[in-house]
Protein backbone atom coordinates (compact mmCIF):
# COMPACT_ATOMS: atom_id res chain seq x y z
CA MET A 1 0.00 -0.03 0.02
CA ILE A 2 3.08 2.29 0.17
CA PRO A 3 3.44 4.07 -3.21
CA ALA A 4 6.65 3.33 -5.13
CA SER A 5 7.17 7.01 -5.93
CA GLY A 6 5.75 10.42 -5.05
CA SER A 7 4.55 11.74 -1.76
CA TYR A 8 1.83 10.28 0.43
CA ARG A 9 0.05 10.62 3.70
CA LEU A 10 -0.68 8.00 6.39
CA ALA A 11 -3.70 8.65 8.43
CA ASN A 12 -4.54 7.22 11.81
CA ALA A 13 -0.97 5.91 12.54
CA ARG A 14 -0.59 4.91 16.13
CA VAL A 15 2.69 6.44 17.23
CA HIS A 16 4.38 6.29 20.67
CA GLN A 17 5.23 9.38 22.73
CA SER A 18 8.72 8.18 23.70
CA VAL A 19 9.99 7.90 20.15
CA THR A 20 7.91 10.66 18.35
CA LEU A 21 9.35 14.13 18.64
CA GLY A 22 7.39 17.35 18.41
CA LEU A 23 3.89 15.79 18.29
CA ALA A 24 1.23 17.86 20.11
CA ALA A 25 -1.38 15.23 20.84
CA THR A 26 -3.19 13.54 23.68
CA PHE A 27 -1.43 10.28 24.51
CA ASP A 28 -3.22 7.34 26.17
CA SER A 29 -2.05 5.41 29.17
CA ASP A 30 0.15 3.23 27.00
CA GLY A 31 1.83 6.26 25.46
CA PHE A 32 0.14 6.09 22.09
CA ALA A 33 -1.62 8.76 20.03
CA LEU A 34 -3.17 8.68 16.52
CA ALA A 35 -1.34 10.79 14.05
CA ASP A 36 -1.16 11.62 10.40
CA ILE A 37 2.22 11.29 8.80
CA THR A 38 3.17 12.95 5.50
CA VAL A 39 6.09 11.58 3.48
CA ALA A 40 7.94 13.43 0.62
CA ASN A 41 11.29 13.05 -0.96
CA GLY A 42 12.38 10.32 1.50
CA LYS A 43 11.63 12.54 4.51
CA ILE A 44 8.78 12.83 7.01
CA SER A 45 7.55 16.28 6.05
CA SER A 46 5.02 16.46 8.94
CA ILE A 47 3.58 14.52 11.85
CA ALA A 48 0.34 15.96 13.27
CA ALA A 49 -2.43 14.74 15.54
CA GLN A 50 -5.19 12.89 13.80
CA ALA A 51 -7.00 15.45 11.67
CA ALA A 52 -10.46 14.06 11.17
CA SER A 53 -12.42 10.83 11.73
CA LYS A 54 -13.12 10.51 8.03
CA VAL A 55 -10.01 9.83 5.86
CA PRO A 56 -9.91 11.81 2.58
CA ALA A 57 -9.54 9.99 -0.71
CA GLY A 58 -6.00 9.24 -1.66
CA VAL A 59 -4.79 9.00 1.94
CA ILE A 60 -3.67 5.69 3.31
CA ASP A 61 -5.73 4.76 6.42
CA LEU A 62 -3.70 2.70 8.89
CA ALA A 63 -6.74 2.31 11.11
CA GLY A 64 -4.75 2.61 14.33
CA ARG A 65 -1.88 0.30 13.41
CA ILE A 66 1.39 0.94 15.18
CA VAL A 67 4.28 2.81 13.48
CA LEU A 68 7.68 2.67 15.12
CA PRO A 69 11.02 4.12 13.96
CA CYS A 70 13.50 1.61 12.53
CA PHE A 71 15.46 -0.28 15.11
CA VAL A 72 19.01 0.25 16.41
CA ASP A 73 20.84 -2.96 17.46
CA CYS A 74 23.93 -1.90 19.52
CA HIS A 75 25.33 -5.26 20.53
CA THR A 76 25.71 -8.17 18.09
CA HIS A 77 28.32 -10.71 16.89
CA ILE A 78 27.71 -11.10 13.22
CA ASP A 79 31.30 -12.32 12.57
CA LYS A 80 30.48 -15.53 14.47
CA GLY A 81 26.76 -15.75 13.55
CA HIS A 82 25.27 -18.94 11.96
CA ILE A 83 28.13 -21.32 12.76
CA TRP A 84 25.90 -23.50 14.93
CA PRO A 85 25.22 -26.19 12.29
CA ARG A 86 28.94 -26.92 11.99
CA LYS A 87 30.02 -26.18 15.65
CA PRO A 88 27.22 -26.41 18.17
CA ASN A 89 27.63 -25.84 21.91
CA PRO A 90 28.01 -29.34 23.34
CA ASP A 91 26.29 -28.64 26.65
CA GLY A 92 24.79 -25.15 26.48
CA SER A 93 27.28 -23.72 29.03
CA PHE A 94 29.41 -20.60 28.70
CA MET A 95 32.63 -22.55 28.64
CA GLY A 96 31.17 -24.77 25.97
CA ALA A 97 30.43 -21.73 23.92
CA LEU A 98 33.92 -20.28 24.37
CA ASN A 99 35.69 -23.54 23.46
CA ALA A 100 33.43 -24.25 20.48
CA THR A 101 33.70 -20.81 19.03
CA GLY A 102 37.48 -20.67 19.55
CA ALA A 103 37.97 -23.99 17.71
CA ASP A 104 35.79 -22.94 14.84
CA ARG A 105 37.49 -19.52 14.53
CA VAL A 106 40.96 -21.22 14.24
CA ALA A 107 39.75 -23.79 11.79
CA ARG A 108 37.20 -22.00 9.57
CA TRP A 109 37.11 -18.24 9.75
CA THR A 110 38.59 -17.23 6.41
CA ALA A 111 37.70 -13.84 4.85
CA GLU A 112 35.14 -15.57 2.55
CA ASP A 113 33.55 -17.45 5.46
CA VAL A 114 33.24 -14.41 7.69
CA ALA A 115 32.00 -12.22 4.77
CA ARG A 116 29.18 -14.59 3.75
CA ARG A 117 27.90 -15.05 7.22
CA MET A 118 28.06 -11.33 7.99
CA ASP A 119 26.15 -10.53 4.85
CA PHE A 120 23.50 -13.16 5.62
CA SER A 121 23.13 -11.55 9.08
CA LEU A 122 22.82 -8.05 7.72
CA ARG A 123 20.15 -9.11 5.21
CA SER A 124 18.14 -10.63 8.02
CA ALA A 125 18.46 -7.54 10.20
CA TYR A 126 17.60 -5.27 7.26
CA ALA A 127 14.51 -7.28 6.44
CA HIS A 128 13.28 -7.07 10.05
CA GLY A 129 13.61 -3.25 10.17
CA THR A 130 17.07 -2.54 11.64
CA ARG A 131 18.65 0.65 10.47
CA ALA A 132 21.93 0.58 12.49
CA LEU A 133 23.92 -2.15 14.05
CA ARG A 134 27.08 -2.54 16.05
CA THR A 135 28.95 -5.84 15.77
CA HIS A 136 31.78 -7.04 17.96
CA ILE A 137 34.63 -8.48 15.95
CA ASP A 138 36.71 -11.30 17.44
CA SER A 139 40.27 -9.74 17.30
CA VAL A 140 42.46 -12.43 18.86
CA ALA A 141 45.58 -12.74 16.68
CA PRO A 142 45.70 -13.42 13.85
CA GLN A 143 41.93 -13.04 13.29
CA GLU A 144 42.03 -9.29 13.47
CA GLU A 145 44.06 -9.30 10.22
CA ILE A 146 41.21 -11.25 8.51
CA SER A 147 38.07 -9.87 9.99
CA TRP A 148 38.70 -6.12 10.12
CA PRO A 149 39.13 -5.75 6.38
CA VAL A 150 36.03 -7.84 5.87
CA PHE A 151 34.17 -5.51 8.20
CA GLU A 152 35.30 -2.42 6.29
CA THR A 153 34.24 -3.92 2.97
CA MET A 154 30.84 -4.90 4.43
CA ARG A 155 30.32 -1.51 5.97
CA GLU A 156 30.75 0.15 2.54
CA ALA A 157 28.63 -2.38 0.83
CA TRP A 158 25.71 -1.77 3.23
CA ARG A 159 26.11 2.00 3.44
CA GLY A 160 22.64 3.61 3.11
CA ARG A 161 20.80 0.42 4.24
CA ILE A 162 22.45 -0.34 7.60
CA GLU A 163 24.82 1.95 9.50
CA LEU A 164 27.41 -0.61 10.50
CA GLN A 165 29.82 -0.12 13.44
CA GLY A 166 32.56 -2.48 14.58
CA ALA A 167 34.06 -3.02 18.08
CA CYS A 168 37.08 -5.25 18.64
CA LEU A 169 36.62 -8.13 20.99
CA LEU A 170 39.30 -9.96 23.06
CA GLY A 171 39.78 -11.03 26.68
CA ILE A 172 41.26 -8.35 28.96
CA GLU A 173 44.24 -10.66 29.46
CA GLY A 174 45.25 -9.86 25.75
CA VAL A 175 45.99 -6.28 26.88
CA ARG A 176 49.01 -7.56 28.77
CA ASP A 177 50.89 -7.75 25.51
CA LYS A 178 50.89 -4.00 25.25
CA LYS A 179 52.75 -3.64 21.97
CA TRP A 180 50.31 -5.96 20.19
CA PHE A 181 47.26 -4.28 21.85
CA ASP A 182 48.51 -0.83 20.91
CA ARG A 183 48.78 -2.01 17.23
CA LEU A 184 45.21 -3.31 17.52
CA ALA A 185 43.97 -0.03 18.90
CA LYS A 186 45.64 1.74 15.99
CA ARG A 187 43.99 -0.65 13.58
CA VAL A 188 40.57 -0.08 15.12
CA ALA A 189 41.12 3.67 14.89
CA ALA A 190 41.99 3.33 11.24
CA ALA A 191 38.71 1.49 10.67
CA LYS A 192 36.81 4.12 12.63
CA GLY A 193 35.77 1.50 15.07
CA VAL A 194 35.20 1.17 18.77
CA LEU A 195 37.67 -0.19 21.26
CA GLY A 196 36.37 -3.15 23.30
CA VAL A 197 37.47 -5.96 25.59
CA VAL A 198 35.89 -8.60 27.84
CA THR A 199 36.67 -7.94 31.48
CA TYR A 200 37.26 -10.64 34.08
CA MET A 201 38.30 -10.36 37.73
CA VAL A 202 41.97 -10.91 36.96
CA PRO A 203 44.58 -9.61 39.53
CA ASP A 204 45.79 -6.83 37.34
CA LEU A 205 42.34 -5.66 36.03
CA GLU A 206 42.84 -2.10 37.15
CA GLU A 207 46.18 -1.75 35.39
CA LEU A 208 44.82 -3.34 32.27
CA LEU A 209 41.79 -1.05 32.20
CA ASP A 210 44.02 1.98 32.55
CA HIS A 211 45.92 0.86 29.43
CA VAL A 212 42.64 0.33 27.53
CA PHE A 213 41.46 3.78 28.51
CA ALA A 214 44.88 5.27 27.61
CA GLN A 215 44.61 3.89 24.11
CA ALA A 216 41.04 5.04 23.66
CA ILE A 217 42.05 8.52 24.73
CA LYS A 218 45.14 8.50 22.44
CA HIS A 219 43.09 7.54 19.39
CA GLY A 220 39.84 9.30 20.23
CA LEU A 221 37.84 6.07 20.40
CA ASP A 222 34.65 5.20 22.23
CA LEU A 223 34.64 2.05 24.41
CA ASP A 224 32.45 -1.01 24.44
CA PHE A 225 32.93 -3.69 27.17
CA HIS A 226 31.62 -7.17 27.91
CA ALA A 227 31.41 -7.45 31.73
CA ASP A 228 30.43 -9.91 34.37
CA GLU A 229 28.59 -12.40 32.19
CA THR A 230 28.39 -14.81 35.08
CA ASP A 231 26.41 -15.56 38.21
CA ASP A 232 29.54 -15.18 40.36
CA ILE A 233 28.74 -12.40 42.90
CA ALA A 234 32.47 -11.67 43.18
CA ALA A 235 32.46 -10.50 39.60
CA ILE A 236 32.47 -6.61 39.95
CA SER A 237 34.29 -5.53 36.81
CA LEU A 238 31.41 -3.18 35.94
CA LYS A 239 32.28 -1.15 39.05
CA LYS A 240 36.01 -1.30 38.07
CA ILE A 241 35.16 0.02 34.60
CA ALA A 242 33.20 2.90 36.09
CA GLU A 243 36.05 3.69 38.51
CA ALA A 244 38.57 3.61 35.70
CA ALA A 245 36.46 5.97 33.59
CA LEU A 246 36.30 8.45 36.50
CA TRP A 247 40.00 8.39 37.42
CA ASN A 248 41.00 8.60 33.76
CA GLY A 249 38.67 11.57 33.08
CA PHE A 250 37.31 9.71 30.05
CA GLU A 251 35.00 11.87 27.95
CA GLY A 252 34.00 9.43 25.16
CA ASN A 253 30.97 7.18 25.13
CA ILE A 254 31.17 3.86 27.09
CA LEU A 255 28.74 1.00 26.59
CA VAL A 256 28.93 -2.04 28.85
CA GLY A 257 27.11 -5.25 27.98
CA HIS A 258 25.73 -8.09 30.15
CA CYS A 259 26.50 -7.14 33.77
CA CYS A 260 24.64 -10.32 34.89
CA SER A 261 26.27 -10.79 38.25
CA LEU A 262 25.02 -7.45 39.43
CA ALA A 263 21.55 -8.95 39.92
CA ARG A 264 23.00 -11.51 42.33
CA GLN A 265 24.96 -9.17 44.54
CA PRO A 266 24.01 -7.67 47.94
CA ASP A 267 21.98 -4.37 47.90
CA LEU A 268 24.88 -2.28 49.31
CA GLU A 269 27.24 -3.46 46.63
CA VAL A 270 24.62 -2.89 43.93
CA LEU A 271 24.01 0.63 45.15
CA ASP A 272 27.65 1.53 45.21
CA THR A 273 28.14 0.15 41.70
CA LEU A 274 25.15 1.96 40.27
CA ASP A 275 26.10 5.24 41.83
CA LYS A 276 29.53 5.01 40.21
CA VAL A 277 28.08 3.85 36.87
CA ALA A 278 25.81 6.89 36.82
CA LYS A 279 28.58 9.28 37.85
CA ALA A 280 30.88 7.95 35.12
CA GLY A 281 28.21 8.31 32.45
CA LEU A 282 28.26 4.64 31.34
CA ALA A 283 25.41 3.19 29.24
CA ILE A 284 24.33 -0.39 29.71
CA VAL A 285 22.94 -3.00 27.31
CA SER A 286 21.31 -6.16 28.42
CA LEU A 287 21.11 -9.17 26.13
CA PRO A 288 17.99 -10.92 27.41
CA MET A 289 17.75 -13.77 24.89
CA CYS A 290 21.36 -14.85 25.04
CA ASN A 291 21.68 -14.44 28.78
CA LEU A 292 18.53 -16.41 29.29
CA TYR A 293 20.00 -19.15 27.25
CA LEU A 294 23.44 -19.28 28.87
CA GLN A 295 23.10 -18.19 32.45
CA ASP A 296 22.33 -20.56 35.29
CA ARG A 297 22.31 -23.59 32.93
CA ARG A 298 23.02 -26.52 35.20
CA ALA A 299 24.98 -29.66 34.46
CA ASP A 300 22.58 -31.83 36.40
CA GLN A 301 19.66 -30.76 34.18
CA THR A 302 17.82 -29.06 37.02
CA THR A 303 15.75 -25.97 36.33
CA PRO A 304 17.51 -22.55 36.15
CA ARG A 305 16.65 -20.32 39.08
CA TRP A 306 17.20 -16.80 37.66
CA ARG A 307 16.79 -14.95 34.34
CA GLY A 308 20.38 -13.86 33.72
CA VAL A 309 19.53 -10.18 32.99
CA THR A 310 20.94 -7.13 34.76
CA LEU A 311 19.14 -4.44 36.82
CA LEU A 312 17.87 -2.19 34.05
CA HIS A 313 15.03 -0.70 36.10
CA GLU A 314 17.31 0.38 38.87
CA MET A 315 19.81 1.79 36.33
CA LYS A 316 17.15 3.74 34.46
CA ALA A 317 15.85 5.21 37.70
CA ARG A 318 19.29 6.77 38.14
CA GLY A 319 19.36 8.20 34.70
CA ILE A 320 21.75 5.64 33.27
CA PRO A 321 21.08 5.04 29.57
CA VAL A 322 19.89 1.44 29.10
CA ALA A 323 19.25 -0.65 25.96
CA VAL A 324 18.52 -4.24 24.92
CA ALA A 325 20.02 -5.87 21.80
CA SER A 326 20.28 -9.17 19.83
CA ASP A 327 23.72 -10.37 20.91
CA ASN A 328 24.65 -13.80 19.36
CA THR A 329 22.65 -15.47 16.60
CA ARG A 330 22.82 -19.16 15.90
CA ASP A 331 26.22 -19.74 17.30
CA PRO A 332 27.55 -21.60 20.34
CA PHE A 333 26.60 -18.65 22.63
CA HIS A 334 22.99 -18.69 21.54
CA ALA A 335 21.52 -21.33 19.37
CA TYR A 336 18.59 -19.22 18.15
CA GLY A 337 17.65 -15.68 17.04
CA ASP A 338 17.41 -13.82 13.75
CA LEU A 339 18.56 -10.26 14.50
CA ASP A 340 14.94 -9.21 14.78
CA MET A 341 14.66 -6.38 17.28
CA LEU A 342 10.97 -6.76 17.67
CA GLU A 343 11.61 -10.30 18.96
CA VAL A 344 14.22 -8.82 21.31
CA TYR A 345 11.84 -6.17 22.61
CA ARG A 346 9.02 -8.79 22.95
CA MET A 347 11.34 -11.06 24.95
CA ALA A 348 12.70 -8.17 26.95
CA THR A 349 9.16 -7.05 27.89
CA ARG A 350 8.43 -10.52 29.29
CA ILE A 351 11.80 -11.24 30.90
CA LEU A 352 12.57 -7.69 32.23
CA HIS A 353 8.98 -6.37 32.74
CA PHE A 354 8.95 -3.55 30.34
CA ASP A 355 5.29 -3.00 31.06
CA HIS A 356 2.83 -1.79 33.68
CA PRO A 357 3.77 0.87 32.67
CA VAL A 358 5.51 0.74 29.36
CA GLY A 359 6.66 4.28 29.87
CA ASP A 360 9.58 5.10 27.53
CA TRP A 361 11.01 1.53 27.26
CA PRO A 362 10.63 1.54 23.45
CA GLN A 363 13.63 3.86 23.44
CA ALA A 364 15.71 0.83 24.58
CA VAL A 365 15.70 -0.47 20.93
CA THR A 366 15.65 2.80 19.10
CA ALA A 367 16.65 6.30 20.45
CA THR A 368 18.91 5.20 23.37
CA PRO A 369 21.30 2.90 21.44
CA ALA A 370 21.27 5.46 18.63
CA GLN A 371 22.63 8.14 21.10
CA VAL A 372 25.21 5.71 22.45
CA MET A 373 26.38 5.00 18.89
CA ARG A 374 26.38 8.74 18.05
CA LEU A 375 23.77 8.38 15.36
CA ASP A 376 21.91 11.67 15.16
CA GLY A 377 18.30 11.42 13.85
CA PHE A 378 18.12 7.60 14.25
CA GLY A 379 15.53 5.88 16.41
CA THR A 380 12.87 8.59 16.36
CA LEU A 381 9.95 9.80 14.22
CA THR A 382 10.16 13.53 13.67
CA ALA A 383 9.14 16.08 11.08
CA GLY A 384 12.16 16.77 8.82
CA GLY A 385 13.71 13.39 9.67
CA ASP A 386 14.29 10.43 7.40
CA ALA A 387 11.21 8.45 6.55
CA ASP A 388 12.60 5.20 8.07
CA PHE A 389 9.97 3.33 10.00
CA VAL A 390 8.12 0.03 10.46
CA LEU A 391 4.37 -0.42 9.98
CA PHE A 392 2.83 -3.22 12.08
CA LYS A 393 -0.64 -4.78 12.16
CA GLY A 394 -0.76 -4.54 15.97
CA ARG A 395 -2.79 -1.64 17.35
CA SER A 396 -1.72 -2.02 20.96
CA TRP A 397 1.13 -3.49 22.89
CA THR A 398 -0.70 -6.73 23.59
CA GLU A 399 -1.40 -7.13 19.83
CA LEU A 400 2.09 -6.15 18.74
CA LEU A 401 3.96 -8.30 21.23
CA SER A 402 1.77 -11.40 20.90
CA ARG A 403 2.67 -12.23 17.32
CA PRO A 404 5.88 -12.29 15.29
CA GLU A 405 4.44 -9.60 12.91
CA SER A 406 6.23 -11.42 10.08
CA ASP A 407 4.20 -9.37 7.55
CA ARG A 408 5.31 -6.03 8.91
CA ILE A 409 6.15 -3.29 6.29
CA VAL A 410 9.65 -1.79 6.57
CA VAL A 411 9.84 1.68 5.04
CA ARG A 412 13.25 3.17 4.17
CA ALA A 413 13.59 6.67 2.66
CA GLY A 414 9.80 6.58 2.26
CA ARG A 415 9.63 3.39 0.22
CA ALA A 416 8.70 -0.11 1.32
CA ILE A 417 11.66 -2.47 1.03
CA ASP A 418 11.70 -6.02 -0.24
CA ARG A 419 11.60 -8.07 3.01
CA GLN A 420 12.58 -11.38 1.56
CA LEU A 421 14.65 -13.09 4.30
CA PRO A 422 17.80 -15.06 3.16
CA ASP A 423 17.37 -18.86 2.92
CA TYR A 424 19.52 -20.85 5.46
CA ALA A 425 20.39 -23.13 2.49
CA GLU A 426 22.64 -20.37 1.19
CA LEU A 427 25.09 -21.21 3.96
CA ASP A 428 25.12 -24.97 3.38
CA GLY A 429 28.41 -24.79 1.55
CA LEU A 430 30.04 -23.30 4.63
CA MET A 431 28.86 -26.09 6.89
CA VAL A 432 30.83 -28.97 5.29
CA GLU A 433 34.51 -29.82 5.71
């Protein structure tokens, strides 16, 4: 129903207050209002409150269906996506995932292999309505020499469809080889990427963090950490990252993912950590689907006792920017997923209770990650902004979040895109020895 050319108007679009800027309207208890959206030359030329009960001829009547801005997915691993058929996790554990992925990387991650799987992932994300995506890139030597050039090529190939960002990924112990890590930081800077590491409670954590921050400051890089992806209450590297940011006077953006152990710690420890995170200006992303899959998985096949997610409500109450994202897709860290941010938000709503009230939680998959990724104009609907949005059949949260919405319409630059998802059979050639 979206014209292939020319301007058009959508009447009775149900838009949400948290992601719609400049709309003077009466919003209901779920944050929705009916609006008319005019599109011309790839832009939203106007958004106004519903004009009349009777829709004029030539105007597309959405009849109250929800319209959201295109999604922003700020934490993914598309370099390791879709290796599950050839290297599954043997027991569903975190160590099983680490070992399986490491073995597959050494044996199979050629430039062609990484490129084909990354492209498959990006086509999936694009079809689901994602406009921007940050991927972590395994950068353990010598993989960084293979994967970063692939990333740069992929970013250029996808320019205008998905804004692609890359963050290096290695264990914090890799920073001990300072000459090698400094070369990696320089390589990341040349690729206009983000500096990232996985933190553990190693004895020299503070010293290693200082060096990471020093390299980020030297090259003008933002930072992206994996932290405390464990149920061990002694894992407090999130607090250590916040402290390092404060004593280094770091002024760039910092995103920290997972932070699972925080939900297991005593209240006084939690409060101290959150105060420091807020003061340091960190942003936090929870990965509800992957953490639900990996955390508290028990070798004796007993039922898991906790959800694996971090304390997003408490963080948000302190003004800490919070987001949710896809994380791993069909690899040893998460056997499922399709880089569909509606699925992520639906699961987050159920796991993290993004309801009663919904409030501004839709920002967690749109405007907030866009701000963390420094993407002006992304994740919102606004007059003068790009006409990049998703039309759903659902007319309320309970309708939208009860079905996959596999027939959604994704609009980019004012035009409906071809939403054909790639066929898994395309990857069959990569799954054989």
